[in-house]
Protein backbone atom coordinates (compact mmCIF):
# COMPACT_ATOMS: atom_id res chain seq x y z
CA UNK A 1 -0.13 -0.09 -0.05
CA UNK A 2 1.39 3.07 -1.27
CA UNK A 3 1.57 6.77 0.97
CA UNK A 4 -0.81 8.19 -1.27
CA UNK A 5 -3.47 5.10 -0.88
CA UNK A 6 -2.52 5.24 3.15
CA UNK A 7 -3.56 9.17 3.15
CA UNK A 8 -6.22 8.43 1.11
CA UNK A 9 -7.62 6.20 3.53
CA UNK A 10 -6.95 8.85 6.24
CA UNK A 11 -8.97 10.95 5.35
CA UNK A 12 -12.38 10.30 6.32
CA UNK A 13 -11.15 9.42 9.61
CA UNK A 14 -9.60 12.97 10.30
CA UNK A 15 -12.86 14.37 8.90
CA UNK A 16 -15.05 12.39 11.33
CA UNK A 17 -12.88 13.03 14.28
CA UNK A 18 -12.55 16.96 13.39
CA UNK A 19 -16.54 16.73 12.92
CA UNK A 20 -17.47 14.99 16.02
CA UNK A 21 -14.54 15.35 18.70
CA UNK A 22 -12.29 17.96 18.15
CA UNK A 23 -14.97 20.54 17.45
CA UNK A 24 -17.75 19.85 20.28
CA UNK A 25 -14.92 19.81 22.66
CA UNK A 26 -13.97 23.42 21.41
CA UNK A 27 -17.54 24.62 21.65
CA UNK A 28 -18.11 23.14 25.03
CA UNK A 29 -14.96 24.91 25.74
CA UNK A 30 -15.65 28.06 24.62
CA UNK A 31 -19.28 27.87 25.83
CA UNK A 32 -17.93 27.65 29.11
CA UNK A 33 -17.16 31.24 29.63
CA UNK A 34 -20.27 32.75 28.74
CA UNK A 35 -22.72 33.62 31.66
CA UNK A 36 -26.78 32.97 31.04
CA UNK A 37 -27.28 36.16 29.74
CA UNK A 38 -24.42 35.90 27.04
CA UNK A 39 -21.33 37.96 28.58
CA UNK A 40 -18.09 36.86 28.58
CA UNK A 41 -16.63 35.80 32.06
CA UNK A 42 -14.78 33.50 33.91
CA UNK A 43 -17.23 33.46 36.65
CA UNK A 44 -18.30 30.26 35.68
CA UNK A 45 -15.43 28.17 36.76
CA UNK A 46 -15.10 30.24 39.95
CA UNK A 47 -18.41 29.33 41.16
CA UNK A 48 -17.59 25.96 40.30
CA UNK A 49 -14.55 25.79 42.68
CA UNK A 50 -15.65 28.14 45.44
CA UNK A 51 -19.43 26.14 45.34
CA UNK A 52 -19.66 23.59 48.35
CA UNK A 53 -22.94 22.21 46.17
CA UNK A 54 -20.55 21.72 42.77
CA UNK A 55 -17.53 20.31 45.09
CA UNK A 56 -20.03 17.87 46.81
CA UNK A 57 -21.39 16.80 43.18
CA UNK A 58 -17.99 16.40 42.10
CA UNK A 59 -17.44 13.90 45.32
CA UNK A 60 -20.68 11.86 45.15
CA UNK A 61 -19.49 11.48 40.69
CA UNK A 62 -16.21 10.17 41.59
CA UNK A 63 -17.64 7.95 44.32
CA UNK A 64 -20.59 6.75 42.99
CA UNK A 65 -17.80 5.89 39.73
CA UNK A 66 -15.43 4.05 42.02
CA UNK A 67 -18.14 1.75 43.57
CA UNK A 68 -19.45 0.99 40.21
CA UNK A 69 -15.96 0.37 39.17
CA UNK A 70 -15.19 -1.89 41.92
CA UNK A 71 -18.42 -4.12 41.97
CA UNK A 72 -18.34 -4.40 38.35
CA UNK A 73 -14.25 -5.53 38.46
CA UNK A 74 -15.45 -8.06 41.18
CA UNK A 75 -17.92 -9.95 39.70
CA UNK A 76 -16.12 -9.56 35.90
CA UNK A 77 -13.00 -10.64 36.49
CA UNK A 78 -13.88 -14.00 38.21
CA UNK A 79 -16.47 -14.50 35.29
CA UNK A 80 -14.03 -13.57 32.83
CA UNK A 81 -12.00 -16.30 34.07
CA UNK A 82 -14.11 -18.65 34.02
CA UNK A 83 -15.23 -17.80 30.74
CA UNK A 84 -12.22 -18.44 29.20
CA UNK A 85 -11.75 -22.33 30.64
CA UNK A 86 -15.33 -23.10 28.66
CA UNK A 87 -16.02 -24.89 25.72
CA UNK A 88 -18.34 -22.79 23.98
CA UNK A 89 -16.71 -19.30 25.47
CA UNK A 90 -17.25 -17.49 22.23
CA UNK A 91 -20.56 -17.98 22.24
CA UNK A 92 -21.25 -17.23 26.38
CA UNK A 93 -19.47 -14.05 25.24
CA UNK A 94 -21.60 -13.56 22.83
CA UNK A 95 -24.66 -13.77 25.18
CA UNK A 96 -23.07 -11.59 27.76
CA UNK A 97 -22.43 -8.77 25.23
CA UNK A 98 -26.12 -9.31 23.87
CA UNK A 99 -27.42 -6.59 26.34
CA UNK A 100 -25.50 -3.82 25.19
CA UNK A 101 -27.22 -4.28 21.85
CA UNK A 102 -30.67 -3.10 23.83
CA UNK A 103 -31.20 0.55 24.37
CA UNK A 104 -30.57 1.98 27.95
CA UNK A 105 -33.94 3.46 28.18
CA UNK A 106 -35.43 0.40 27.70
CA UNK A 107 -33.31 -1.46 30.28
CA UNK A 108 -33.72 1.54 32.59
CA UNK A 109 -37.68 0.86 32.34
CA UNK A 110 -37.44 -2.88 32.90
CA UNK A 111 -35.53 -2.58 35.72
CA UNK A 112 -38.44 -0.08 37.03
CA UNK A 113 -40.83 -2.55 36.77
CA UNK A 114 -38.81 -5.03 38.33
CA UNK A 115 -37.82 -3.53 41.59
CA UNK A 116 -41.24 -1.19 41.66
CA UNK A 117 -43.68 -2.06 44.50
CA UNK A 118 -45.56 -4.68 42.84
CA UNK A 119 -42.28 -5.70 40.61
CA UNK A 120 -41.00 -9.45 40.45
CA UNK A 121 -38.40 -8.72 43.18
CA UNK A 122 -41.19 -7.55 45.75
CA UNK A 123 -43.38 -10.34 44.72
CA UNK A 124 -40.84 -13.00 45.54
CA UNK A 125 -40.15 -11.03 49.12
CA UNK A 126 -43.57 -11.14 50.28
CA UNK A 127 -43.80 -14.80 48.91
CA UNK A 128 -41.15 -15.87 50.87
CA UNK A 129 -42.58 -13.77 53.96
CA UNK A 130 -40.05 -11.13 54.19
CA UNK A 131 -42.56 -8.52 52.72
CA UNK A 132 -42.47 -5.58 50.25
CA UNK A 133 -39.78 -3.58 50.23
CA UNK A 134 -38.59 0.09 49.20
CA UNK A 135 -35.75 -1.42 46.55
CA UNK A 136 -36.26 1.29 43.63
CA UNK A 137 -35.49 5.35 44.07
CA UNK A 138 -32.63 4.03 46.34
CA UNK A 139 -28.64 3.76 46.18
CA UNK A 140 -28.65 -0.09 46.32
CA UNK A 141 -30.74 -0.06 43.05
CA UNK A 142 -29.05 2.52 41.30
CA UNK A 143 -25.68 0.76 41.71
CA UNK A 144 -27.15 -2.77 41.55
CA UNK A 145 -28.65 -1.26 37.72
CA UNK A 146 -25.30 0.70 36.68
CA UNK A 147 -23.02 -2.23 37.88
CA UNK A 148 -25.38 -4.86 35.56
CA UNK A 149 -25.42 -2.31 32.44
CA UNK A 150 -21.14 -1.71 32.92
CA UNK A 151 -20.72 -5.58 33.41
CA UNK A 152 -19.90 -6.67 29.45
CA UNK A 153 -17.82 -3.26 29.62
CA UNK A 154 -15.72 -5.01 31.70
CA UNK A 155 -15.24 -8.35 30.95
CA UNK A 156 -14.56 -8.08 27.06
CA UNK A 157 -11.14 -6.52 27.87
CA UNK A 158 -10.46 -8.77 30.41
CA UNK A 159 -11.28 -11.82 28.51
CA UNK A 160 -9.21 -11.12 25.44
CA UNK A 161 -6.18 -10.50 27.99
CA UNK A 162 -6.76 -13.98 29.44
CA UNK A 163 -7.52 -15.28 26.06
CA UNK A 164 -3.63 -13.45 24.79
CA UNK A 165 -2.15 -14.77 27.84
CA UNK A 166 0.41 -17.59 27.22
CA UNK A 167 -0.37 -20.72 29.08
CA UNK A 168 3.34 -21.93 29.13
CA UNK A 169 4.11 -19.36 31.75
CA UNK A 170 0.99 -20.90 33.66
CA UNK A 171 3.01 -23.98 33.33
CA UNK A 172 6.28 -22.93 34.55
CA UNK A 173 4.31 -21.39 37.80
CA UNK A 174 3.12 -25.01 38.63
CA UNK A 175 6.81 -26.61 37.83
CA UNK A 176 8.23 -24.02 40.28
CA UNK A 177 5.85 -24.87 42.81
CA UNK A 178 3.32 -22.42 42.54
CA UNK A 179 0.06 -23.00 43.87
CA UNK A 180 -3.19 -21.65 42.18
CA UNK A 181 -3.36 -18.70 44.43
CA UNK A 182 0.36 -17.61 44.10
CA UNK A 183 -0.08 -18.59 40.15
CA UNK A 184 -3.24 -16.36 39.97
CA UNK A 185 -1.28 -13.52 42.19
CA UNK A 186 2.00 -13.68 40.70
CA UNK A 187 1.05 -14.67 36.95
CA UNK A 188 -2.21 -14.54 35.69
CA UNK A 189 -3.06 -10.87 37.56
CA UNK A 190 0.06 -9.20 36.47
CA UNK A 191 -0.23 -9.87 33.09
CA UNK A 192 -3.67 -9.43 32.70
CA UNK A 193 -3.63 -6.31 34.32
CA UNK A 194 -4.14 -4.41 30.83
CA UNK A 195 -7.17 -6.05 30.60
CA UNK A 196 -8.06 -4.62 33.58
CA UNK A 197 -7.23 -0.88 33.05
CA UNK A 198 -8.92 -0.86 29.91
CA UNK A 199 -11.95 -2.14 31.54
CA UNK A 200 -11.90 0.26 34.51
CA UNK A 201 -11.52 2.90 31.69
CA UNK A 202 -14.49 1.84 30.25
CA UNK A 203 -16.70 1.66 33.37
CA UNK A 204 -15.40 4.43 35.43
CA UNK A 205 -14.87 7.30 32.81
CA UNK A 206 -18.98 6.90 31.85
CA UNK A 207 -20.04 6.23 35.08
CA UNK A 208 -18.15 9.47 36.05
CA UNK A 209 -21.56 11.42 33.84
CA UNK A 210 -24.47 8.99 34.75
CA UNK A 211 -27.73 10.97 34.61
CA UNK A 212 -30.88 8.87 32.97
CA UNK A 213 -30.20 6.28 35.62
CA UNK A 214 -29.80 8.68 38.75
CA UNK A 215 -33.26 9.99 37.50
CA UNK A 216 -35.07 6.98 36.93
CA UNK A 217 -33.43 4.57 38.98
CA UNK A 218 -32.25 6.72 41.93
CA UNK A 219 -35.30 9.03 41.98
CA UNK A 220 -32.52 11.73 41.81
CA UNK A 221 -31.30 10.71 45.30
CA UNK A 222 -27.95 10.47 43.52
CA UNK A 223 -26.71 13.74 42.27
CA UNK A 224 -24.14 13.48 40.08
CA UNK A 225 -22.30 16.25 37.67
CA UNK A 226 -23.87 14.29 34.92
CA UNK A 227 -27.46 15.29 36.39
CA UNK A 228 -26.10 19.00 36.98
CA UNK A 229 -25.32 19.29 33.10
CA UNK A 230 -28.50 17.86 32.35
CA UNK A 231 -30.46 20.44 34.66
CA UNK A 232 -28.73 23.53 33.36
CA UNK A 233 -28.66 22.87 29.57
CA UNK A 234 -32.32 21.54 29.76
CA UNK A 235 -34.01 23.15 32.62
CA UNK A 236 -32.37 26.54 33.77
CA UNK A 237 -30.70 26.80 30.29
CA UNK A 238 -27.36 27.92 31.56
CA UNK A 239 -25.28 26.59 29.08
CA UNK A 240 -22.35 28.47 30.56
CA UNK A 241 -22.22 27.17 33.41
CA UNK A 242 -23.42 23.40 32.17
CA UNK A 243 -20.40 23.45 29.78
CA UNK A 244 -18.55 24.30 32.92
CA UNK A 245 -19.45 21.05 34.52
CA UNK A 246 -18.35 19.87 31.09
CA UNK A 247 -14.93 20.68 30.82
CA UNK A 248 -14.39 19.47 34.31
CA UNK A 249 -15.83 16.45 33.72
CA UNK A 250 -13.41 16.03 30.39
CA UNK A 251 -10.13 16.98 32.36
CA UNK A 252 -11.26 14.31 35.12
CA UNK A 253 -11.49 11.75 32.40
CA UNK A 254 -8.47 12.24 30.42
CA UNK A 255 -7.13 12.32 34.16
CA UNK A 256 -8.48 8.81 34.51
CA UNK A 257 -7.02 7.62 31.38
CA UNK A 258 -3.58 8.92 31.86
CA UNK A 259 -3.59 7.27 35.14
CA UNK A 260 -5.00 3.74 33.67
CA UNK A 261 -2.90 4.22 30.50
CA UNK A 262 0.03 1.61 29.54
CA UNK A 263 3.36 3.39 30.29
CA UNK A 264 5.93 2.73 28.09
CA UNK A 265 9.21 1.52 29.60
CA UNK A 266 12.36 3.83 28.89
CA UNK A 267 14.19 2.40 26.09
CA UNK A 268 11.70 0.32 24.70
CA UNK A 269 12.31 0.14 20.84
CA UNK A 270 9.43 1.44 18.43
CA UNK A 271 8.92 0.12 15.35
């Protein structure tokens, strides 16, 4: 393939990148310097960093994103590990990924029916004698639904990392006298850490800006930056403040990507 043909293939990608990634980011950054009256100002950033309300929302966003990521990882790693050992692993992986093809709003409304006062979960609790409980519009229901939705995005990179793991490393570990726990701790997990980092990025970053689930499942009990952005753009019409929060959120996402990204070793040869 010649350099000219390579450049030709690169043109559509460049156009897409400029129109749908770079331009929206620049517009958000530009809009963040305007007040609700359309006046150029830096008061939006001053308000954000001096307001205990916005800082609390930031901490809530990070905390809930952290909890969702931890719960997702605790479920996904053993699942991916066992999945890698099964006979028809590609089929099982496809079944795990299938729910991601369903619209998020449809899944949210399905869980509203499941967790509602007359839903199937409360029907089961009443049947076994515990009685109906308030499940919907709680932190627990929000975390459960968010974890369920994010699980496939954590399983996939971990599964790929496990599949690429050379079995000879595990055999060598066993030959050297390591038991299953030591083999996992010293060989399997460190060599699949890249998959874990990719999964953390795929889960933590979107979880920072959740707003639909906080409203439908959490009943606005869970207030995050995503909720604040929605309110500023759709309710108060303060696009400047909404853009300011969006800029802060983008910076936080970039920091997470840098923290969980692969670090190249010094002296590494580049092809």
